């Protein structure tokens, strides 16, 4: 009898372990926002995250991608790369109050000449040349009397084609509906390059479709440029060709010229938005050098800074950017720039969800905590498309 009791006790303990693990995970999920809010408040009160303190001696560069009204943001497959105009105004307004905000090239020059200026230097950047940057970011910047840097994928603007990550994201969202309406025998082959299956698409809830699309885009980054493009084209053709809606397109050259005329910097984001380390030396040279030449002609302005697509670069890329005559280039490595190569400038992405309190309210203290680098886990992370 005693042995049976002991055995039952062991079974009960084993059965309880998963529940205890789930409870611990739920507790961590609950406590993490509380801990971050508390840490942000404490460090703000003691002055550790005061911009003039943590940004002293550094160049602060913040990154945005898309700026979309709330209804469109809910339809965008890579929502972590988007903010609403109201959210942009909250973040940019805080930056304008505490920093001298300039376009990247000008900000870099000011930081070089006055690294310890009483009022620290910041730059606001926008990647990918999206139409919403013109329609929604430009008015916010004008209202705040700010100039920013806009990084343009030159060949894609010329061809009126979105970067591959947007094309794939929207195609994967469309695939969810297509799989459910009329399953096709070729869907397993079409989805396999992106690490997805028709069964997975058919089973997910609508709210999870965005997460699935983002996962597929992340997996696609592991493919070679040729294999990735062939896989995206095949999926688009199966769904009925181009899947990107008009509101998610790119700016026109006229709109880009207007931005330049209003004092914003126009920088190169390559020709076709490839992951540069995946290319051979001649292709890297073409993406970096030709994009600068064509952009200067089309936009009617000097082009002095470069933005690595997806933040991906290697030594060959660095050397190509230097040879092309750029004065500086930005990466997607998290952090403030405190020295080193002008072609490896760190940036801080503005994922708005990470700037909210546990009550869902925008918190300047959370913004300063993230920018300061005092929030654990940020200094070695990368992001971006």
Protein backbone atom coordinates (compact mmCIF):
# COMPACT_ATOMS: atom_id res chain seq x y z
CA UNK A 1 0.00 0.00 0.00
CA UNK A 2 2.77 2.39 0.92
CA UNK A 3 4.57 1.74 -2.36
CA UNK A 4 1.38 2.50 -4.30
CA UNK A 5 1.01 5.78 -2.45
CA UNK A 6 4.60 6.71 -3.31
CA UNK A 7 4.04 5.77 -6.93
CA UNK A 8 0.88 7.87 -7.11
CA UNK A 9 2.80 10.73 -5.57
CA UNK A 10 5.48 10.49 -8.25
CA UNK A 11 2.81 10.41 -10.99
CA UNK A 12 1.13 13.46 -9.49
CA UNK A 13 4.43 15.33 -9.34
CA UNK A 14 5.20 14.52 -12.98
CA UNK A 15 1.71 15.57 -14.04
CA UNK A 16 2.03 18.83 -12.11
CA UNK A 17 5.32 19.85 -13.72
CA UNK A 18 3.82 21.10 -17.00
CA UNK A 19 1.15 23.02 -15.12
CA UNK A 20 3.80 24.55 -12.86
CA UNK A 21 5.86 25.49 -15.90
CA UNK A 22 2.84 27.12 -17.53
CA UNK A 23 2.05 28.98 -14.32
CA UNK A 24 5.64 30.22 -14.05
CA UNK A 25 5.57 31.40 -17.68
CA UNK A 26 2.27 33.20 -17.09
CA UNK A 27 3.70 34.83 -13.97
CA UNK A 28 6.77 36.03 -15.89
CA UNK A 29 4.51 37.44 -18.61
CA UNK A 30 2.57 39.33 -15.96
CA UNK A 31 5.55 40.55 -13.98
CA UNK A 32 7.80 41.66 -16.86
CA UNK A 33 5.70 44.72 -17.82
CA UNK A 34 5.37 45.63 -14.14
CA UNK A 35 9.13 45.33 -13.68
CA UNK A 36 9.86 47.40 -16.80
CA UNK A 37 7.44 50.12 -15.75
CA UNK A 38 8.97 50.21 -12.30
CA UNK A 39 12.51 50.27 -13.63
CA UNK A 40 11.65 53.04 -16.09
CA UNK A 41 10.13 55.18 -13.34
CA UNK A 42 12.98 54.65 -10.88
CA UNK A 43 15.76 55.35 -13.40
CA UNK A 44 13.90 58.43 -14.63
CA UNK A 45 13.54 59.82 -11.10
CA UNK A 46 17.25 59.42 -10.33
CA UNK A 47 18.16 60.95 -13.69
CA UNK A 48 19.89 57.87 -15.16
CA UNK A 49 17.69 57.95 -18.27
CA UNK A 50 17.67 61.70 -18.73
CA UNK A 51 18.60 62.23 -22.42
CA UNK A 52 21.29 64.80 -21.63
CA UNK A 53 22.90 62.17 -19.43
CA UNK A 54 22.66 58.87 -21.34
CA UNK A 55 23.09 60.47 -24.80
CA UNK A 56 26.02 62.69 -23.88
CA UNK A 57 28.93 62.01 -26.22
CA UNK A 58 26.78 59.87 -28.51
CA UNK A 59 24.81 60.18 -31.73
CA UNK A 60 21.26 58.89 -31.29
CA UNK A 61 19.57 57.56 -34.43
CA UNK A 62 15.98 56.30 -34.35
CA UNK A 63 14.40 54.24 -37.11
CA UNK A 64 10.90 54.07 -38.55
CA UNK A 65 9.62 52.18 -41.55
CA UNK A 66 5.91 52.59 -42.27
CA UNK A 67 3.56 55.24 -40.89
CA UNK A 68 -0.02 54.03 -41.35
CA UNK A 69 -3.47 55.00 -40.08
CA UNK A 70 -4.74 52.50 -37.52
CA UNK A 71 -7.07 50.70 -39.93
CA UNK A 72 -4.28 50.13 -42.47
CA UNK A 73 -1.76 49.17 -39.81
CA UNK A 74 -4.06 46.30 -38.82
CA UNK A 75 -3.83 45.01 -42.41
CA UNK A 76 -0.06 45.32 -42.76
CA UNK A 77 1.72 41.94 -42.44
CA UNK A 78 4.83 43.26 -40.64
CA UNK A 79 3.13 45.35 -37.98
CA UNK A 80 6.28 45.64 -35.85
CA UNK A 81 7.69 47.90 -38.59
CA UNK A 82 4.77 50.35 -38.51
CA UNK A 83 3.46 53.17 -36.33
CA UNK A 84 0.42 55.40 -36.70
CA UNK A 85 0.83 59.14 -37.38
CA UNK A 86 -0.28 59.81 -33.81
CA UNK A 87 2.36 57.45 -32.44
CA UNK A 88 5.03 59.05 -34.62
CA UNK A 89 4.04 62.45 -33.27
CA UNK A 90 4.35 61.25 -29.67
CA UNK A 91 7.82 59.81 -30.20
CA UNK A 92 9.16 62.58 -32.43
CA UNK A 93 7.72 65.22 -30.12
CA UNK A 94 9.67 63.80 -27.19
CA UNK A 95 12.85 63.65 -29.26
CA UNK A 96 12.41 67.25 -30.43
CA UNK A 97 12.05 68.42 -26.84
CA UNK A 98 15.31 66.87 -25.64
CA UNK A 99 17.60 66.59 -28.72
CA UNK A 100 18.77 68.65 -31.65
CA UNK A 101 17.11 66.57 -34.36
CA UNK A 102 18.70 66.66 -37.83
CA UNK A 103 18.89 64.47 -40.94
CA UNK A 104 21.48 61.73 -40.56
CA UNK A 105 24.39 63.22 -42.52
CA UNK A 106 24.00 66.62 -40.84
CA UNK A 107 23.52 65.02 -37.44
CA UNK A 108 26.69 62.97 -37.92
CA UNK A 109 28.69 66.12 -38.76
CA UNK A 110 27.33 67.96 -35.72
CA UNK A 111 28.11 65.03 -33.46
CA UNK A 112 31.66 64.85 -34.82
CA UNK A 113 32.27 68.55 -34.18
CA UNK A 114 30.39 68.74 -30.85
CA UNK A 115 30.29 65.24 -29.34
CA UNK A 116 29.61 66.60 -25.86
CA UNK A 117 27.17 69.35 -26.76
CA UNK A 118 24.86 70.27 -23.90
CA UNK A 119 21.89 69.36 -26.04
CA UNK A 120 22.63 65.93 -27.61
CA UNK A 121 22.23 65.17 -31.31
CA UNK A 122 19.65 62.82 -32.83
CA UNK A 123 18.61 61.76 -36.31
CA UNK A 124 15.24 60.40 -37.42
CA UNK A 125 15.33 57.92 -40.30
CA UNK A 126 12.72 56.18 -42.46
CA UNK A 127 13.57 53.06 -44.46
CA UNK A 128 12.12 51.69 -47.73
CA UNK A 129 10.63 54.77 -49.45
CA UNK A 130 7.02 53.87 -48.66
CA UNK A 131 4.19 56.07 -49.92
CA UNK A 132 2.90 56.43 -46.38
CA UNK A 133 6.13 58.20 -45.43
CA UNK A 134 5.11 61.01 -47.76
CA UNK A 135 1.40 60.95 -46.95
CA UNK A 136 1.55 60.52 -43.17
CA UNK A 137 5.09 61.05 -41.81
CA UNK A 138 5.82 64.25 -43.74
CA UNK A 139 2.90 66.25 -42.22
CA UNK A 140 3.87 65.16 -38.69
CA UNK A 141 7.47 66.22 -39.22
CA UNK A 142 6.33 69.55 -40.68
CA UNK A 143 4.11 70.18 -37.68
CA UNK A 144 7.08 69.58 -35.37
CA UNK A 145 9.50 71.55 -37.61
CA UNK A 146 11.73 68.49 -38.01
CA UNK A 147 13.75 67.19 -40.93
CA UNK A 148 14.54 63.49 -41.34
CA UNK A 149 16.39 61.05 -43.61
CA UNK A 150 14.44 58.89 -46.08
CA UNK A 151 16.24 55.85 -47.50
CA UNK A 152 15.12 54.93 -51.00
CA UNK A 153 15.43 51.55 -52.82
CA UNK A 154 16.16 53.26 -56.11
CA UNK A 155 15.45 50.52 -58.64
CA UNK A 156 12.21 49.53 -56.93
CA UNK A 157 10.89 53.10 -57.07
CA UNK A 158 11.77 53.23 -60.75
CA UNK A 159 9.99 49.92 -61.41
CA UNK A 160 7.06 50.70 -59.05
CA UNK A 161 7.67 47.43 -57.18
CA UNK A 162 7.71 47.05 -53.39
CA UNK A 163 10.60 45.40 -51.50
CA UNK A 164 10.44 41.62 -51.44
CA UNK A 165 9.51 41.44 -47.75
CA UNK A 166 6.30 43.42 -48.36
CA UNK A 167 5.41 41.41 -51.46
CA UNK A 168 5.88 38.16 -49.56
CA UNK A 169 4.07 39.36 -46.43
CA UNK A 170 0.94 40.34 -48.35
CA UNK A 171 1.09 37.16 -50.47
CA UNK A 172 1.20 35.00 -47.34
CA UNK A 173 -1.80 36.83 -45.89
CA UNK A 174 -3.67 36.18 -49.14
CA UNK A 175 -2.57 32.54 -49.00
CA UNK A 176 -4.49 32.00 -45.77
CA UNK A 177 -7.76 32.89 -47.50
CA UNK A 178 -6.84 31.00 -50.67
CA UNK A 179 -6.04 27.77 -48.84
CA UNK A 180 -9.41 27.89 -47.07
CA UNK A 181 -11.50 28.76 -50.12
CA UNK A 182 -10.07 26.26 -52.57
CA UNK A 183 -7.15 24.11 -51.46
CA UNK A 184 -4.68 23.60 -54.31
CA UNK A 185 -2.40 20.66 -54.75
CA UNK A 186 0.62 22.89 -55.39
CA UNK A 187 0.33 24.90 -52.15
CA UNK A 188 2.66 22.60 -50.20
CA UNK A 189 5.42 23.31 -52.74
CA UNK A 190 4.64 27.03 -52.87
CA UNK A 191 4.74 27.48 -49.09
CA UNK A 192 7.64 25.14 -48.28
CA UNK A 193 10.42 27.71 -49.03
CA UNK A 194 8.93 29.91 -46.30
CA UNK A 195 8.72 27.16 -43.69
CA UNK A 196 4.91 26.97 -43.82
CA UNK A 197 2.30 24.34 -44.69
CA UNK A 198 -1.29 24.59 -46.02
CA UNK A 199 -2.52 22.80 -42.90
CA UNK A 200 -0.90 25.44 -40.73
CA UNK A 201 -2.52 28.26 -42.70
CA UNK A 202 -5.92 26.57 -42.63
CA UNK A 203 -5.84 26.04 -38.86
CA UNK A 204 -4.77 29.47 -37.64
CA UNK A 205 -7.08 32.14 -36.29
CA UNK A 206 -7.40 35.34 -38.34
CA UNK A 207 -5.60 37.32 -35.64
CA UNK A 208 -2.58 34.99 -35.97
CA UNK A 209 -2.25 35.41 -39.73
CA UNK A 210 0.04 38.42 -39.25
CA UNK A 211 2.37 36.42 -37.02
CA UNK A 212 2.50 33.63 -39.57
CA UNK A 213 3.29 36.07 -42.39
CA UNK A 214 6.10 37.64 -40.37
CA UNK A 215 7.52 34.18 -39.66
CA UNK A 216 7.48 33.32 -43.35
CA UNK A 217 9.35 36.53 -44.19
CA UNK A 218 11.97 35.78 -41.55
CA UNK A 219 12.48 32.26 -42.95
CA UNK A 220 12.81 33.63 -46.49
CA UNK A 221 15.86 35.65 -45.44
CA UNK A 222 17.79 32.37 -45.27
CA UNK A 223 17.27 31.72 -49.01
CA UNK A 224 19.62 32.85 -51.76
CA UNK A 225 18.43 35.98 -53.63
CA UNK A 226 17.52 33.99 -56.74
CA UNK A 227 15.71 31.22 -54.87
CA UNK A 228 13.81 33.76 -52.75
CA UNK A 229 12.64 35.76 -55.77
CA UNK A 230 11.57 32.64 -57.67
CA UNK A 231 9.60 31.39 -54.68
CA UNK A 232 7.84 34.75 -54.18
CA UNK A 233 6.98 35.07 -57.88
CA UNK A 234 5.58 31.53 -57.96
CA UNK A 235 3.36 32.24 -54.95
CA UNK A 236 2.20 35.58 -56.39
CA UNK A 237 1.32 33.98 -59.71
CA UNK A 238 -0.66 31.22 -58.01
CA UNK A 239 -2.64 33.87 -56.14
CA UNK A 240 -3.22 36.14 -59.12
CA UNK A 241 -0.01 38.16 -59.49
CA UNK A 242 0.84 41.24 -57.41
CA UNK A 243 -0.67 41.21 -53.91
CA UNK A 244 0.43 44.57 -52.47
CA UNK A 245 -2.48 47.07 -52.17
CA UNK A 246 -2.09 50.58 -53.53
CA UNK A 247 -1.86 52.21 -50.11
CA UNK A 248 1.21 50.06 -49.34
CA UNK A 249 3.18 51.11 -52.43
CA UNK A 250 6.25 53.32 -52.80
CA UNK A 251 6.66 57.05 -53.25
CA UNK A 252 6.98 58.58 -56.72
CA UNK A 253 10.06 60.51 -57.82
CA UNK A 254 8.04 63.72 -57.66
CA UNK A 255 7.16 63.06 -54.02
CA UNK A 256 10.78 62.23 -53.23
CA UNK A 257 11.90 65.49 -54.84
CA UNK A 258 9.36 67.36 -52.72
CA UNK A 259 10.83 65.83 -49.57
CA UNK A 260 14.31 66.96 -50.64
CA UNK A 261 13.02 70.47 -51.38
CA UNK A 262 11.54 70.63 -47.87
CA UNK A 263 14.94 70.00 -46.27
CA UNK A 264 14.76 66.26 -45.72
CA UNK A 265 17.73 64.07 -46.59
CA UNK A 266 17.34 61.51 -49.37
CA UNK A 267 19.69 58.56 -48.91
CA UNK A 268 20.27 55.32 -50.77
CA UNK A 269 18.77 52.02 -49.66
CA UNK A 270 20.42 50.19 -52.61
CA UNK A 271 18.84 49.41 -55.98
CA UNK A 272 16.75 46.30 -55.29
CA UNK A 273 16.84 45.89 -51.48
CA UNK A 274 18.91 42.66 -51.43
CA UNK A 275 20.82 41.25 -48.49
CA UNK A 276 24.23 42.49 -49.60
CA UNK A 277 26.34 39.66 -48.10
CA UNK A 278 24.43 37.21 -50.34
CA UNK A 279 25.74 38.96 -53.49
CA UNK A 280 29.05 38.70 -55.32
CA UNK A 281 31.48 41.63 -55.29
CA UNK A 282 30.33 43.07 -58.63
CA UNK A 283 26.66 42.95 -57.58
CA UNK A 284 27.43 44.69 -54.28
CA UNK A 285 29.32 47.41 -56.14
CA UNK A 286 26.38 47.94 -58.48
CA UNK A 287 23.79 48.08 -55.67
CA UNK A 288 25.85 50.60 -53.72
CA UNK A 289 27.45 52.79 -56.42
CA UNK A 290 24.81 52.87 -59.14
CA UNK A 291 22.02 53.50 -56.65
CA UNK A 292 23.83 56.64 -55.48
CA UNK A 293 24.33 57.94 -59.02
CA UNK A 294 20.76 57.27 -60.15
CA UNK A 295 19.23 58.60 -56.93
CA UNK A 296 21.12 61.90 -57.15
CA UNK A 297 19.87 62.36 -60.71
CA UNK A 298 16.26 61.36 -60.02
CA UNK A 299 15.87 63.22 -56.72
CA UNK A 300 17.90 66.25 -57.76
CA UNK A 301 20.01 66.35 -54.61
CA UNK A 302 23.28 65.18 -53.13
CA UNK A 303 23.27 61.63 -51.75
CA UNK A 304 25.73 61.28 -48.89
CA UNK A 305 24.42 58.45 -46.68
CA UNK A 306 23.56 54.78 -47.22
CA UNK A 307 21.29 52.35 -45.40
CA UNK A 308 22.05 48.61 -45.56
CA UNK A 309 18.93 46.64 -46.59
CA UNK A 310 17.81 44.52 -43.64
CA UNK A 311 20.89 45.86 -41.84
CA UNK A 312 22.90 43.09 -43.52
CA UNK A 313 26.51 43.89 -44.50
CA UNK A 314 29.98 42.43 -44.55
CA UNK A 315 33.50 43.76 -45.10
CA UNK A 316 32.96 43.88 -48.87
CA UNK A 317 29.85 46.00 -48.34
CA UNK A 318 31.67 48.42 -46.05
CA UNK A 319 34.45 48.85 -48.58
CA UNK A 320 31.96 49.36 -51.43
CA UNK A 321 30.11 52.08 -49.50
CA UNK A 322 33.40 53.85 -48.77
CA UNK A 323 34.53 53.66 -52.41
CA UNK A 324 31.16 54.96 -53.63
CA UNK A 325 31.77 58.27 -51.84
CA UNK A 326 29.17 58.15 -49.06
CA UNK A 327 30.09 59.99 -45.88
CA UNK A 328 28.26 57.60 -43.53
CA UNK A 329 25.96 54.57 -43.42
CA UNK A 330 23.46 53.16 -40.95
CA UNK A 331 23.00 49.60 -39.73
CA UNK A 332 20.25 47.92 -37.71
CA UNK A 333 22.47 47.11 -34.76
CA UNK A 334 20.76 48.41 -31.63
CA UNK A 335 22.46 51.20 -29.72
CA UNK A 336 23.76 54.77 -29.72
CA UNK A 337 26.76 55.57 -31.89
CA UNK A 338 29.74 56.49 -29.72
CA UNK A 339 32.58 56.13 -32.21
CA UNK A 340 34.11 53.78 -34.72
CA UNK A 341 33.44 53.47 -38.42
CA UNK A 342 31.14 56.09 -40.00
CA UNK A 343 29.79 53.23 -42.11
CA UNK A 344 28.54 51.22 -39.13
CA UNK A 345 26.28 53.65 -37.30
CA UNK A 346 23.94 51.98 -34.84
CA UNK A 347 20.22 52.80 -34.67
CA UNK A 348 17.25 52.20 -32.39
CA UNK A 349 14.02 50.91 -33.94
CA UNK A 350 10.77 52.42 -32.73
CA UNK A 351 8.47 49.47 -32.06
CA UNK A 352 5.64 51.39 -30.40
CA UNK A 353 4.31 48.40 -28.46
CA UNK A 354 7.53 48.41 -26.44
CA UNK A 355 6.96 52.00 -25.38
CA UNK A 356 3.64 51.35 -23.66
CA UNK A 357 2.95 50.86 -19.99
CA UNK A 358 1.06 47.79 -18.82
CA UNK A 359 -2.08 49.97 -19.02
CA UNK A 360 -1.41 50.50 -22.73
CA UNK A 361 -0.39 54.17 -22.47
CA UNK A 362 2.61 55.76 -24.17
CA UNK A 363 5.41 56.25 -21.66
CA UNK A 364 8.27 58.73 -22.25
CA UNK A 365 10.06 56.95 -19.41
CA UNK A 366 9.87 53.67 -21.35
CA UNK A 367 11.20 55.47 -24.45
CA UNK A 368 14.19 56.82 -22.52
CA UNK A 369 14.79 53.44 -20.87
CA UNK A 370 15.06 51.74 -24.26
CA UNK A 371 17.22 54.45 -25.82
CA UNK A 372 19.54 54.53 -22.82
CA UNK A 373 20.48 50.88 -23.29
CA UNK A 374 19.81 50.20 -19.61
CA UNK A 375 16.90 47.93 -20.46
CA UNK A 376 18.31 44.38 -20.49
CA UNK A 377 18.72 42.57 -23.80
CA UNK A 378 18.89 45.51 -26.19
CA UNK A 379 22.56 46.17 -26.80
CA UNK A 380 23.19 43.09 -28.94
CA UNK A 381 19.91 42.87 -30.83
CA UNK A 382 19.26 43.62 -34.49
CA UNK A 383 16.02 44.28 -36.30
CA UNK A 384 14.65 45.57 -39.50
CA UNK A 385 13.95 45.02 -43.16
